[in-house]
Amino acid sequence: MRIYICSDFKKNPATSKLLVRLVSEKGFQVLTNEEVIDPKKHEPKGWYAQHEAFHMLRGLILEITEITPQITYLLAQAMFMKKPLLCLYEKSKPPREFLMLIRKKHCPDFIIMKSYTLQKIEATLNPFLASLSSEVMQTVANIKFTLRISPKIEQYLQWKAKQEGMTKANYLRNLLLALQQEDREYRQWLGEDEPTVDS
């Protein structure tokens, strides 16, 4: 499971390194803005880096004490792609204008704003990381999907679902979930399994 951490490693090295260490200790693979952003141009290092940063992540953590164009871009991407996001800011230096703007825009539930101190940052991180680890979050059915099938396939689906004692939708969901869990290539793509090396 991968998490993207965006923090200012030059201005705030202690917090940045602590975030990376705490998230890594919880068993997540960490991708940082230092790896994805070209420091000279302040732009993504290419399509693949950007793809990694958004499509292959379980969630994002942004240190937002000082608001930058990069932070607003990542926030917009997380909203668009419905990626769980934790925005952290120093308790003594809240970005008041930004927080007021976000509250006015009715921030979705998967985006969380929290203040922190270095002494209590682990306690602030833990609930967010636990929610990412839970299977409940991964199996909530909240994406509507339209599928056109032939009458013959529909007849089979109806028969099969009845045999299993469930609705057609639940039968298809369970079928896809079982395929997903057995698909080692997909789990490697997500970073949840290490690729096997033939001896």
C-alpha atoms as a PDB file:
ATOM      1  CA  MET A   1       0.000   0.000   0.000  1.00  0.00           C
ATOM      2  CA  ARG A   2       1.467   3.318  -1.061  1.00  0.00           C
ATOM      3  CA  ILE A   3       1.029   6.739   0.528  1.00  0.00           C
ATOM      4  CA  TYR A   4       2.178  10.010  -0.996  1.00  0.00           C
ATOM      5  CA  ILE A   5       3.700  12.512   1.458  1.00  0.00           C
ATOM      6  CA  CYS A   6       4.112  16.127   0.389  1.00  0.00           C
ATOM      7  CA  SER A   7       6.195  18.174   2.804  1.00  0.00           C
ATOM      8  CA  ASP A   8       8.942  20.800   2.570  1.00  0.00           C
ATOM      9  CA  PHE A   9      12.021  18.643   3.185  1.00  0.00           C
ATOM     10  CA  LYS A  10      14.354  21.676   3.029  1.00  0.00           C
ATOM     11  CA  LYS A  11      12.490  24.134   5.281  1.00  0.00           C
ATOM     12  CA  ASN A  12      11.034  21.538   7.627  1.00  0.00           C
ATOM     13  CA  PRO A  13      13.334  18.465   7.591  1.00  0.00           C
ATOM     14  CA  ALA A  14      12.449  17.236  11.109  1.00  0.00           C
ATOM     15  CA  THR A  15       8.689  17.029  10.426  1.00  0.00           C
ATOM     16  CA  SER A  16       9.191  15.648   6.907  1.00  0.00           C
ATOM     17  CA  LYS A  17      11.517  12.848   8.012  1.00  0.00           C
ATOM     18  CA  LEU A  18       9.301  12.038  11.000  1.00  0.00           C
ATOM     19  CA  LEU A  19       6.225  11.712   8.747  1.00  0.00           C
ATOM     20  CA  VAL A  20       8.072   9.368   6.387  1.00  0.00           C
ATOM     21  CA  ARG A  21       9.356   7.248   9.294  1.00  0.00           C
ATOM     22  CA  LEU A  22       5.996   6.970  11.091  1.00  0.00           C
ATOM     23  CA  VAL A  23       4.080   6.068   7.918  1.00  0.00           C
ATOM     24  CA  SER A  24       6.755   3.532   6.880  1.00  0.00           C
ATOM     25  CA  GLU A  25       6.636   1.918  10.337  1.00  0.00           C
ATOM     26  CA  LYS A  26       2.914   1.264   9.827  1.00  0.00           C
ATOM     27  CA  GLY A  27       3.773  -0.883   6.802  1.00  0.00           C
ATOM     28  CA  PHE A  28       3.020   1.603   4.012  1.00  0.00           C
ATOM     29  CA  GLN A  29       5.337   2.284   1.081  1.00  0.00           C
ATOM     30  CA  VAL A  30       6.074   6.006   0.949  1.00  0.00           C
ATOM     31  CA  LEU A  31       6.374   8.168  -2.157  1.00  0.00           C
ATOM     32  CA  THR A  32       7.411  11.784  -1.502  1.00  0.00           C
ATOM     33  CA  ASN A  33       7.298  15.019  -3.471  1.00  0.00           C
ATOM     34  CA  GLU A  34      11.116  14.921  -3.435  1.00  0.00           C
ATOM     35  CA  GLU A  35      10.908  11.834  -5.670  1.00  0.00           C
ATOM     36  CA  VAL A  36       8.108  13.048  -7.931  1.00  0.00           C
ATOM     37  CA  ILE A  37       8.772  16.777  -8.354  1.00  0.00           C
ATOM     38  CA  ASP A  38      11.741  18.191 -10.277  1.00  0.00           C
ATOM     39  CA  PRO A  39      13.301  20.590  -7.705  1.00  0.00           C
ATOM     40  CA  LYS A  40      14.536  23.019 -10.393  1.00  0.00           C
ATOM     41  CA  LYS A  41      11.296  23.303 -12.377  1.00  0.00           C
ATOM     42  CA  HIS A  42       8.837  22.482  -9.550  1.00  0.00           C
ATOM     43  CA  GLU A  43       6.983  20.282 -12.049  1.00  0.00           C
ATOM     44  CA  PRO A  44       6.224  16.557 -12.149  1.00  0.00           C
ATOM     45  CA  LYS A  45       9.197  14.600 -13.526  1.00  0.00           C
ATOM     46  CA  GLY A  46       7.102  13.037 -16.249  1.00  0.00           C
ATOM     47  CA  TRP A  47       3.915  11.143 -16.947  1.00  0.00           C
ATOM     48  CA  TYR A  48       4.950   8.019 -15.067  1.00  0.00           C
ATOM     49  CA  ALA A  49       5.817   9.915 -11.880  1.00  0.00           C
ATOM     50  CA  GLN A  50       2.478  11.708 -11.962  1.00  0.00           C
ATOM     51  CA  HIS A  51       0.673   8.449 -12.663  1.00  0.00           C
ATOM     52  CA  GLU A  52       2.428   6.857  -9.671  1.00  0.00           C
ATOM     53  CA  ALA A  53       1.576   9.831  -7.499  1.00  0.00           C
ATOM     54  CA  PHE A  54      -2.173   9.551  -7.982  1.00  0.00           C
ATOM     55  CA  HIS A  55      -3.378   6.305  -9.520  1.00  0.00           C
ATOM     56  CA  MET A  56      -1.389   3.825  -7.454  1.00  0.00           C
ATOM     57  CA  LEU A  57      -1.894   5.366  -4.018  1.00  0.00           C
ATOM     58  CA  ARG A  58      -4.039   4.365  -1.080  1.00  0.00           C
ATOM     59  CA  GLY A  59      -3.966   7.962   0.213  1.00  0.00           C
ATOM     60  CA  LEU A  60      -2.074  11.251   0.530  1.00  0.00           C
ATOM     61  CA  ILE A  61      -0.645  13.269   3.420  1.00  0.00           C
ATOM     62  CA  LEU A  62       0.068  16.972   2.837  1.00  0.00           C
ATOM     63  CA  GLU A  63       1.908  19.279   5.218  1.00  0.00           C
ATOM     64  CA  ILE A  64       0.025  22.542   4.544  1.00  0.00           C
ATOM     65  CA  THR A  65       1.414  25.011   7.103  1.00  0.00           C
ATOM     66  CA  GLU A  66       2.672  27.072   4.154  1.00  0.00           C
ATOM     67  CA  ILE A  67       0.348  26.891   1.153  1.00  0.00           C
ATOM     68  CA  THR A  68       2.062  26.432  -2.221  1.00  0.00           C
ATOM     69  CA  PRO A  69       0.727  25.921  -5.762  1.00  0.00           C
ATOM     70  CA  GLN A  70       1.833  22.282  -5.453  1.00  0.00           C
ATOM     71  CA  ILE A  71      -0.403  21.787  -2.393  1.00  0.00           C
ATOM     72  CA  THR A  72      -3.465  23.296  -4.079  1.00  0.00           C
ATOM     73  CA  TYR A  73      -2.829  21.133  -7.160  1.00  0.00           C
ATOM     74  CA  LEU A  74      -2.535  17.947  -5.076  1.00  0.00           C
ATOM     75  CA  LEU A  75      -5.646  18.842  -3.098  1.00  0.00           C
ATOM     76  CA  ALA A  76      -7.606  19.341  -6.333  1.00  0.00           C
ATOM     77  CA  GLN A  77      -6.325  16.017  -7.714  1.00  0.00           C
ATOM     78  CA  ALA A  78      -7.256  14.168  -4.506  1.00  0.00           C
ATOM     79  CA  MET A  79     -10.764  15.674  -4.643  1.00  0.00           C
ATOM     80  CA  PHE A  80     -11.170  14.785  -8.312  1.00  0.00           C
ATOM     81  CA  MET A  81      -9.945  11.215  -7.852  1.00  0.00           C
ATOM     82  CA  LYS A  82     -11.635  10.745  -4.455  1.00  0.00           C
ATOM     83  CA  LYS A  83      -8.371   9.785  -2.766  1.00  0.00           C
ATOM     84  CA  PRO A  84      -8.284   9.872   1.063  1.00  0.00           C
ATOM     85  CA  LEU A  85      -6.219  12.880   2.107  1.00  0.00           C
ATOM     86  CA  LEU A  86      -4.873  14.107   5.447  1.00  0.00           C
ATOM     87  CA  CYS A  87      -3.844  17.782   5.524  1.00  0.00           C
ATOM     88  CA  LEU A  88      -1.569  18.592   8.484  1.00  0.00           C
ATOM     89  CA  TYR A  89      -0.581  22.033   9.722  1.00  0.00           C
ATOM     90  CA  GLU A  90       1.447  23.217  12.703  1.00  0.00           C
ATOM     91  CA  LYS A  91      -0.825  24.028  15.632  1.00  0.00           C
ATOM     92  CA  SER A  92       1.003  27.324  16.250  1.00  0.00           C
ATOM     93  CA  LYS A  93       0.835  28.416  12.556  1.00  0.00           C
ATOM     94  CA  PRO A  94      -2.528  27.475  11.028  1.00  0.00           C
ATOM     95  CA  PRO A  95      -3.079  28.630   7.400  1.00  0.00           C
ATOM     96  CA  ARG A  96      -6.281  30.451   8.419  1.00  0.00           C
ATOM     97  CA  GLU A  97      -7.354  31.822   5.027  1.00  0.00           C
ATOM     98  CA  PHE A  98      -6.869  28.465   3.332  1.00  0.00           C
ATOM     99  CA  LEU A  99      -8.787  26.607   6.054  1.00  0.00           C
ATOM    100  CA  MET A 100     -11.671  29.098   5.843  1.00  0.00           C
ATOM    101  CA  LEU A 101     -11.790  28.684   2.061  1.00  0.00           C
ATOM    102  CA  ILE A 102     -11.842  24.879   2.319  1.00  0.00           C
ATOM    103  CA  ARG A 103     -14.630  24.958   4.916  1.00  0.00           C
ATOM    104  CA  LYS A 104     -16.720  27.240   2.682  1.00  0.00           C
ATOM    105  CA  LYS A 105     -16.318  24.809  -0.219  1.00  0.00           C
ATOM    106  CA  HIS A 106     -17.840  21.966   1.851  1.00  0.00           C
ATOM    107  CA  CYS A 107     -14.835  19.661   1.858  1.00  0.00           C
ATOM    108  CA  PRO A 108     -15.739  15.985   1.211  1.00  0.00           C
ATOM    109  CA  ASP A 109     -15.486  13.422   4.036  1.00  0.00           C
ATOM    110  CA  PHE A 110     -12.367  11.757   2.610  1.00  0.00           C
ATOM    111  CA  ILE A 111     -10.362  14.989   3.108  1.00  0.00           C
ATOM    112  CA  ILE A 112      -9.333  15.624   6.729  1.00  0.00           C
ATOM    113  CA  MET A 113      -7.696  18.780   8.162  1.00  0.00           C
ATOM    114  CA  LYS A 114      -5.724  18.373  11.414  1.00  0.00           C
ATOM    115  CA  SER A 115      -3.313  20.463  13.450  1.00  0.00           C
ATOM    116  CA  TYR A 116      -0.235  18.808  14.939  1.00  0.00           C
ATOM    117  CA  THR A 117       2.724  19.252  17.234  1.00  0.00           C
ATOM    118  CA  LEU A 118       5.905  17.223  16.782  1.00  0.00           C
ATOM    119  CA  GLN A 119       5.303  15.530  20.134  1.00  0.00           C
ATOM    120  CA  LYS A 120       1.772  14.382  19.182  1.00  0.00           C
ATOM    121  CA  ILE A 121       2.053  13.910  15.424  1.00  0.00           C
ATOM    122  CA  GLU A 122       1.894  10.096  15.689  1.00  0.00           C
ATOM    123  CA  ALA A 123      -1.451  10.238  17.530  1.00  0.00           C
ATOM    124  CA  THR A 124      -2.726  12.598  14.806  1.00  0.00           C
ATOM    125  CA  LEU A 125      -1.608  10.238  12.017  1.00  0.00           C
ATOM    126  CA  ASN A 126      -2.817   6.938  13.494  1.00  0.00           C
ATOM    127  CA  PRO A 127      -6.609   7.232  12.895  1.00  0.00           C
ATOM    128  CA  PHE A 128      -6.042   8.213   9.248  1.00  0.00           C
ATOM    129  CA  LEU A 129      -3.588   5.362   8.629  1.00  0.00           C
ATOM    130  CA  ALA A 130      -5.907   2.886  10.372  1.00  0.00           C
ATOM    131  CA  SER A 131      -8.792   3.947   8.118  1.00  0.00           C
ATOM    132  CA  LEU A 132      -6.626   3.331   5.039  1.00  0.00           C
ATOM    133  CA  SER A 133      -5.690  -0.128   6.285  1.00  0.00           C
ATOM    134  CA  SER A 134      -9.258  -1.186   6.975  1.00  0.00           C
ATOM    135  CA  GLU A 135     -10.982  -3.368   4.408  1.00  0.00           C
ATOM    136  CA  VAL A 136     -14.259  -1.552   5.110  1.00  0.00           C
ATOM    137  CA  MET A 137     -13.002   1.541   3.312  1.00  0.00           C
ATOM    138  CA  GLN A 138     -11.920  -0.501   0.313  1.00  0.00           C
ATOM    139  CA  THR A 139     -15.193  -2.399  -0.078  1.00  0.00           C
ATOM    140  CA  VAL A 140     -17.774   0.371   0.294  1.00  0.00           C
ATOM    141  CA  ALA A 141     -19.831   0.321  -2.919  1.00  0.00           C
ATOM    142  CA  ASN A 142     -20.199   3.988  -3.848  1.00  0.00           C
ATOM    143  CA  ILE A 143     -19.377   4.101  -7.578  1.00  0.00           C
ATOM    144  CA  LYS A 144     -22.301   3.798  -9.967  1.00  0.00           C
ATOM    145  CA  PHE A 145     -21.553   1.732 -13.054  1.00  0.00           C
ATOM    146  CA  THR A 146     -23.740   0.944 -16.067  1.00  0.00           C
ATOM    147  CA  LEU A 147     -23.263  -2.390 -17.825  1.00  0.00           C
ATOM    148  CA  ARG A 148     -25.158  -3.509 -20.920  1.00  0.00           C
ATOM    149  CA  ILE A 149     -25.502  -7.276 -21.309  1.00  0.00           C
ATOM    150  CA  SER A 150     -27.447  -9.601 -23.598  1.00  0.00           C
ATOM    151  CA  PRO A 151     -30.747 -11.197 -22.455  1.00  0.00           C
ATOM    152  CA  LYS A 152     -28.995 -14.587 -22.390  1.00  0.00           C
ATOM    153  CA  ILE A 153     -26.266 -13.367 -20.017  1.00  0.00           C
ATOM    154  CA  GLU A 154     -28.870 -11.579 -17.881  1.00  0.00           C
ATOM    155  CA  GLN A 155     -30.872 -14.810 -17.602  1.00  0.00           C
ATOM    156  CA  TYR A 156     -27.748 -16.666 -16.450  1.00  0.00           C
ATOM    157  CA  LEU A 157     -26.849 -13.893 -14.002  1.00  0.00           C
ATOM    158  CA  GLN A 158     -30.344 -13.919 -12.527  1.00  0.00           C
ATOM    159  CA  TRP A 159     -30.259 -17.727 -12.184  1.00  0.00           C
ATOM    160  CA  LYS A 160     -26.761 -17.752 -10.664  1.00  0.00           C
ATOM    161  CA  ALA A 161     -27.536 -14.968  -8.174  1.00  0.00           C
ATOM    162  CA  LYS A 162     -30.697 -16.828  -7.085  1.00  0.00           C
ATOM    163  CA  GLN A 163     -28.643 -20.024  -6.558  1.00  0.00           C
ATOM    164  CA  GLU A 164     -26.266 -18.062  -4.317  1.00  0.00           C
ATOM    165  CA  GLY A 165     -29.157 -16.348  -2.476  1.00  0.00           C
ATOM    166  CA  MET A 166     -28.166 -12.778  -3.328  1.00  0.00           C
ATOM    167  CA  THR A 167     -28.973  -9.935  -5.697  1.00  0.00           C
ATOM    168  CA  LYS A 168     -27.391  -9.781  -9.154  1.00  0.00           C
ATOM    169  CA  ALA A 169     -25.387  -6.711  -8.127  1.00  0.00           C
ATOM    170  CA  ASN A 170     -24.022  -8.414  -4.992  1.00  0.00           C
ATOM    171  CA  TYR A 171     -23.178 -11.541  -6.961  1.00  0.00           C
ATOM    172  CA  LEU A 172     -21.167  -9.512  -9.513  1.00  0.00           C
ATOM    173  CA  ARG A 173     -19.443  -7.511  -6.748  1.00  0.00           C
ATOM    174  CA  ASN A 174     -18.411 -10.702  -4.930  1.00  0.00           C
ATOM    175  CA  LEU A 175     -17.200 -12.261  -8.172  1.00  0.00           C
ATOM    176  CA  LEU A 176     -15.012  -9.245  -8.985  1.00  0.00           C
ATOM    177  CA  LEU A 177     -13.722  -9.024  -5.403  1.00  0.00           C
ATOM    178  CA  ALA A 178     -12.663 -12.695  -5.538  1.00  0.00           C
ATOM    179  CA  LEU A 179     -10.877 -12.115  -8.858  1.00  0.00           C
ATOM    180  CA  GLN A 180      -9.134  -9.055  -7.427  1.00  0.00           C
ATOM    181  CA  GLN A 181      -7.907 -10.926  -4.352  1.00  0.00           C
ATOM    182  CA  GLU A 182      -6.480 -13.741  -6.511  1.00  0.00           C
ATOM    183  CA  ASP A 183      -4.812 -11.383  -9.006  1.00  0.00           C
ATOM    184  CA  ARG A 184      -1.160 -11.277  -7.945  1.00  0.00           C
ATOM    185  CA  GLU A 185      -0.158  -9.006 -10.859  1.00  0.00           C
ATOM    186  CA  TYR A 186      -2.697  -6.407  -9.718  1.00  0.00           C
ATOM    187  CA  ARG A 187      -1.466  -6.583  -6.110  1.00  0.00           C
ATOM    188  CA  GLN A 188       2.108  -6.074  -7.340  1.00  0.00           C
ATOM    189  CA  TRP A 189       0.936  -3.082  -9.387  1.00  0.00           C
ATOM    190  CA  LEU A 190      -0.589  -1.639  -6.193  1.00  0.00           C
ATOM    191  CA  GLY A 191       2.668  -2.312  -4.333  1.00  0.00           C
ATOM    192  CA  GLU A 192       1.015  -4.738  -1.888  1.00  0.00           C
ATOM    193  CA  ASP A 193       2.994  -7.813  -3.046  1.00  0.00           C
ATOM    194  CA  GLU A 194       6.666  -8.042  -3.871  1.00  0.00           C
ATOM    195  CA  PRO A 195       7.306  -9.464  -7.359  1.00  0.00           C
ATOM    196  CA  THR A 196       8.624 -13.013  -7.324  1.00  0.00           C
ATOM    197  CA  VAL A 197      12.023 -13.738  -8.866  1.00  0.00           C
ATOM    198  CA  ASP A 198      12.404 -17.041 -10.709  1.00  0.00           C
ATOM    199  CA  SER A 199      15.410 -18.994  -9.480  1.00  0.00           C
END
